[in-house]
Amino acid sequence: MGRGKIVIRRIDNTTSRQVTFSKRRNGLLKKARELSILCDAEVGLMIFSSTGKLYEFSSTNMKSIIERYNTSKEDQHHPLMNATSEAKIWKREVATLRHQLETLQENHRQLMGQELSSLSTKELQNLENQLEMSLRGVRMQKDRKLTDEIHELNRKGNLLHQENMELFRKEHHIRQENMDLLKKINEARDAHETNRVSHSPNGFNLEEEDDECIILQLSQPPQQNSATPQNPTTVNRLQLQ
């Protein structure tokens, strides 16, 4: 069941009034901070409790915001202005912008951990909260970037693994084909050698060359007596084809 509608009136019970003030004050400060960040608005908020305690929030500098507010109120009461008053307004605007620039530079130095001695405990606490919020946002963005990079690297790794597997299969197929081809060559060579030996006379193979003759020179054995030996031996030519 949803909550019932709350009647907007003063809370009589002191404890309940204090609790409600604390809760709504924190919510209002949070909303003011979010409004200044999300919409790039210059926000100044001041709250006085029933006991007179001051709670404030300013996106830049409370003094400059108040001065800007007063200037805006003066412009609303004097819509028609001469050149002199307009020049004064522009000078005041320039001074305000210069002051804002100095404030931003000071805030930047404080965010970098410099010139902190002039800050009170509450201001240091607010600065710490801002840094924690900024650090949380940076870490979230970093984690998101790292997650995206890891997914991309995993995808590329899977593609490379598939390509390596395909190359391995092709290499294995080529090696198998080479082994089969080498086996066929060895078998053909062995068959050729066996064929050549089986067709040679007496099991020997004599290579034949065209128009090549082998000339054998034979001599007769010497005579038993001391007669003059016969003429040189007859030359027989044998042509082996």
Protein backbone atom coordinates (compact mmCIF):
# COMPACT_ATOMS: atom_id res chain seq x y z
CA MET A 1 0.00 0.00 0.00
CA GLY A 2 1.24 3.49 -0.84
CA ARG A 3 1.78 6.20 1.68
CA GLY A 4 -1.08 8.49 2.43
CA LYS A 5 -1.02 12.15 1.53
CA ILE A 6 0.88 14.22 4.09
CA VAL A 7 -0.77 17.41 5.26
CA ILE A 8 1.64 20.31 4.82
CA ARG A 9 1.57 22.04 8.18
CA ARG A 10 3.88 22.58 11.12
CA ILE A 11 4.82 19.38 12.94
CA ASP A 12 4.06 19.75 16.58
CA ASN A 13 6.28 16.94 17.85
CA THR A 14 9.81 18.28 18.28
CA THR A 15 11.57 14.99 17.54
CA SER A 16 9.51 14.29 14.42
CA ARG A 17 10.01 17.88 13.27
CA GLN A 18 13.78 17.59 13.68
CA VAL A 19 13.90 14.24 11.82
CA THR A 20 11.78 15.57 8.99
CA PHE A 21 13.92 18.70 8.75
CA SER A 22 17.11 16.64 8.55
CA LYS A 23 15.75 14.32 5.85
CA ARG A 24 14.22 17.03 3.70
CA ARG A 25 17.23 19.29 4.11
CA ASN A 26 19.57 16.56 2.81
CA GLY A 27 17.20 15.83 -0.05
CA LEU A 28 17.00 19.51 -0.99
CA LEU A 29 20.80 19.88 -0.93
CA LYS A 30 21.15 16.76 -3.06
CA LYS A 31 18.63 18.06 -5.59
CA ALA A 32 20.41 21.41 -5.75
CA ARG A 33 23.76 19.70 -6.38
CA GLU A 34 22.26 17.47 -9.09
CA LEU A 35 20.59 20.47 -10.74
CA SER A 36 23.87 22.37 -10.92
CA ILE A 37 25.73 19.37 -12.38
CA LEU A 38 23.12 18.08 -14.82
CA CYS A 39 21.92 21.45 -16.15
CA ASP A 40 25.14 23.47 -15.75
CA ALA A 41 23.16 25.93 -13.62
CA GLU A 42 24.51 28.34 -11.05
CA VAL A 43 22.69 27.37 -7.87
CA GLY A 44 22.82 28.95 -4.42
CA LEU A 45 20.84 27.49 -1.54
CA MET A 46 20.63 28.76 2.07
CA ILE A 47 18.64 27.07 4.83
CA PHE A 48 18.20 28.30 8.40
CA SER A 49 16.88 25.82 10.91
CA SER A 50 14.44 26.73 13.68
CA THR A 51 17.42 27.06 16.00
CA GLY A 52 19.12 29.54 13.65
CA LYS A 53 21.76 27.14 12.27
CA LEU A 54 22.79 27.84 8.67
CA TYR A 55 23.02 25.17 5.94
CA GLU A 56 24.09 26.27 2.48
CA PHE A 57 25.13 25.00 -0.93
CA SER A 58 26.59 26.93 -3.85
CA SER A 59 27.68 25.56 -7.20
CA THR A 60 30.37 28.26 -7.55
CA ASN A 61 30.64 30.89 -4.81
CA MET A 62 27.80 32.05 -2.59
CA LYS A 63 28.98 35.66 -2.53
CA SER A 64 29.12 35.94 -6.32
CA ILE A 65 25.69 34.31 -6.58
CA ILE A 66 24.21 36.84 -4.16
CA GLU A 67 25.81 39.72 -6.09
CA ARG A 68 24.43 38.36 -9.31
CA TYR A 69 21.02 38.04 -7.71
CA ASN A 70 21.09 41.66 -6.53
CA THR A 71 22.17 42.84 -9.98
CA SER A 72 19.33 40.92 -11.57
CA LYS A 73 16.83 42.45 -9.15
CA GLU A 74 18.13 45.96 -9.95
CA ASP A 75 17.77 45.31 -13.68
CA GLN A 76 14.17 44.25 -13.16
CA HIS A 77 13.34 47.51 -11.34
CA HIS A 78 15.08 49.71 -13.95
CA PRO A 79 14.21 48.43 -17.43
CA LEU A 80 15.23 51.69 -19.14
CA MET A 81 18.86 52.58 -18.58
CA ASN A 82 21.21 55.04 -20.19
CA ALA A 83 24.61 54.21 -21.64
CA THR A 84 26.45 55.03 -18.42
CA SER A 85 24.42 52.67 -16.28
CA GLU A 86 24.72 49.97 -18.96
CA ALA A 87 28.50 50.34 -18.98
CA LYS A 88 28.52 50.00 -15.21
CA ILE A 89 26.50 46.82 -15.52
CA TRP A 90 28.94 45.40 -18.06
CA LYS A 91 31.88 46.30 -15.84
CA ARG A 92 30.16 44.58 -12.96
CA GLU A 93 29.54 41.55 -15.17
CA VAL A 94 33.21 41.47 -16.17
CA ALA A 95 34.24 41.65 -12.53
CA THR A 96 31.81 38.86 -11.71
CA LEU A 97 33.16 36.67 -14.49
CA ARG A 98 36.74 37.38 -13.39
CA HIS A 99 35.82 36.42 -9.86
CA GLN A 100 34.17 33.23 -11.10
CA LEU A 101 37.31 32.39 -13.07
CA GLU A 102 39.45 32.87 -9.97
CA THR A 103 37.03 30.72 -7.99
CA LEU A 104 37.17 27.96 -10.59
CA GLN A 105 40.95 28.08 -10.60
CA GLU A 106 40.96 27.89 -6.81
CA ASN A 107 38.54 24.95 -6.87
CA HIS A 108 40.74 23.23 -9.42
CA ARG A 109 43.80 23.64 -7.23
CA GLN A 110 41.86 22.32 -4.26
CA LEU A 111 40.70 19.30 -6.26
CA MET A 112 44.35 18.68 -7.06
CA GLY A 113 45.10 18.69 -3.31
CA GLN A 114 46.68 22.16 -3.20
CA GLU A 115 45.93 25.21 -1.01
CA LEU A 116 43.77 23.29 1.48
CA SER A 117 44.96 25.06 4.62
CA SER A 118 42.31 27.78 4.37
CA LEU A 119 39.40 25.32 4.22
CA SER A 120 37.32 24.41 7.23
CA THR A 121 36.45 20.88 8.26
CA LYS A 122 33.04 21.11 6.61
CA GLU A 123 34.52 22.44 3.36
CA LEU A 124 37.08 19.65 3.37
CA GLN A 125 34.28 17.14 3.89
CA ASN A 126 32.35 18.60 0.93
CA LEU A 127 35.49 18.50 -1.18
CA GLU A 128 36.06 14.88 -0.22
CA ASN A 129 32.48 14.01 -1.19
CA GLN A 130 32.90 15.67 -4.58
CA LEU A 131 36.15 13.80 -5.18
CA GLU A 132 34.54 10.50 -4.22
CA MET A 133 31.66 11.11 -6.63
CA SER A 134 34.09 12.06 -9.41
CA LEU A 135 36.31 9.07 -8.65
CA ARG A 136 33.29 6.75 -8.70
CA GLY A 137 32.28 8.06 -12.11
CA VAL A 138 35.82 7.71 -13.46
CA ARG A 139 36.10 4.14 -12.18
CA MET A 140 32.76 3.18 -13.71
CA GLN A 141 33.82 4.59 -17.07
CA LYS A 142 37.21 2.87 -16.82
CA ASP A 143 35.60 -0.49 -15.97
CA ARG A 144 33.21 -0.09 -18.91
CA LYS A 145 36.10 0.66 -21.27
CA LEU A 146 38.15 -2.28 -19.96
CA THR A 147 35.18 -4.63 -20.31
CA ASP A 148 34.62 -3.55 -23.92
CA GLU A 149 38.33 -3.98 -24.70
CA ILE A 150 38.36 -7.46 -23.12
CA HIS A 151 35.34 -8.52 -25.18
CA GLU A 152 36.98 -7.20 -28.34
CA LEU A 153 40.25 -9.00 -27.57
CA ASN A 154 38.36 -12.25 -26.89
CA ARG A 155 36.56 -11.91 -30.21
CA LYS A 156 39.83 -11.33 -32.08
CA GLY A 157 41.43 -14.22 -30.20
CA ASN A 158 38.62 -16.57 -31.27
CA LEU A 159 38.99 -15.47 -34.89
CA LEU A 160 42.76 -16.04 -34.78
CA HIS A 161 42.23 -19.46 -33.20
CA GLN A 162 39.83 -20.45 -35.97
CA GLU A 163 42.28 -19.23 -38.62
CA ASN A 164 45.11 -21.20 -36.99
CA MET A 165 43.00 -24.35 -36.90
CA GLU A 166 42.13 -23.92 -40.57
CA LEU A 167 45.79 -23.42 -41.50
CA PHE A 168 46.74 -26.48 -39.43
CA ARG A 169 44.18 -28.61 -41.30
CA LYS A 170 45.47 -27.38 -44.65
CA GLU A 171 49.08 -28.01 -43.64
CA HIS A 172 48.22 -31.53 -42.49
CA HIS A 173 46.38 -32.22 -45.76
CA ILE A 174 49.36 -30.99 -47.83
CA ARG A 175 51.80 -33.07 -45.77
CA GLN A 176 49.64 -36.16 -46.30
CA GLU A 177 49.53 -35.53 -50.05
CA ASN A 178 53.33 -35.16 -50.14
CA MET A 179 53.79 -38.42 -48.25
CA ASP A 180 51.45 -40.24 -50.66
CA LEU A 181 53.26 -38.76 -53.64
CA LEU A 182 56.66 -39.74 -52.23
CA LYS A 183 55.39 -43.25 -51.58
CA LYS A 184 54.20 -43.57 -55.18
CA ILE A 185 57.57 -42.33 -56.48
CA ASN A 186 59.45 -44.89 -54.36
CA GLU A 187 57.17 -47.68 -55.51
CA ALA A 188 57.63 -46.71 -59.16
CA ARG A 189 61.41 -46.54 -58.73
CA ASP A 190 61.53 -49.96 -57.05
CA ALA A 191 59.37 -51.42 -59.81
CA HIS A 192 61.63 -49.90 -62.48
CA GLU A 193 64.77 -51.30 -60.81
CA THR A 194 63.20 -54.73 -60.51
CA ASN A 195 62.09 -54.65 -64.16
CA ARG A 196 65.54 -53.66 -65.38
CA VAL A 197 67.36 -56.39 -63.42
CA SER A 198 64.92 -59.08 -64.57
CA HIS A 199 65.55 -58.27 -68.30
CA SER A 200 69.37 -58.24 -68.06
CA PRO A 201 71.37 -61.41 -69.20
CA ASN A 202 72.62 -63.50 -66.30
CA GLY A 203 70.91 -61.17 -63.98
CA PHE A 204 73.16 -58.20 -64.90
CA ASN A 205 72.10 -55.10 -66.60
CA LEU A 206 74.25 -53.72 -69.32
CA GLU A 207 73.37 -50.28 -70.41
CA GLU A 208 73.16 -49.88 -74.14
CA GLU A 209 74.20 -46.79 -76.04
CA ASP A 210 73.74 -46.12 -79.75
CA ASP A 211 76.77 -46.58 -82.01
CA GLU A 212 79.02 -47.69 -79.15
CA CYS A 213 81.36 -50.63 -79.74
CA ILE A 214 83.56 -52.57 -77.37
CA ILE A 215 86.84 -53.71 -79.03
CA LEU A 216 88.54 -56.76 -77.55
CA GLN A 217 92.16 -57.59 -78.43
CA LEU A 218 93.03 -61.24 -77.95
CA SER A 219 96.50 -62.85 -78.17
CA GLN A 220 97.46 -66.48 -78.81
CA PRO A 221 99.29 -68.38 -76.14
CA PRO A 222 103.11 -68.62 -76.70
CA GLN A 223 104.61 -71.68 -78.52
CA GLN A 224 106.33 -74.46 -76.62
CA ASN A 225 109.49 -74.29 -78.77
CA SER A 226 111.84 -71.34 -79.15
CA ALA A 227 110.49 -70.45 -82.54
CA THR A 228 109.67 -66.92 -83.41
CA PRO A 229 106.27 -66.01 -82.15
CA GLN A 230 103.49 -65.48 -84.53
CA ASN A 231 102.19 -62.14 -85.74
CA PRO A 232 100.01 -60.05 -83.46
CA THR A 233 96.77 -61.54 -82.51
CA THR A 234 93.72 -61.23 -84.59
CA VAL A 235 91.45 -58.43 -83.60
CA ASN A 236 87.91 -59.39 -83.06
CA ARG A 237 85.37 -56.70 -82.76
CA LEU A 238 82.25 -57.38 -80.86
CA GLN A 239 79.51 -54.86 -80.99
CA LEU A 240 77.13 -55.10 -78.14
CA GLN A 241 73.95 -53.38 -78.55
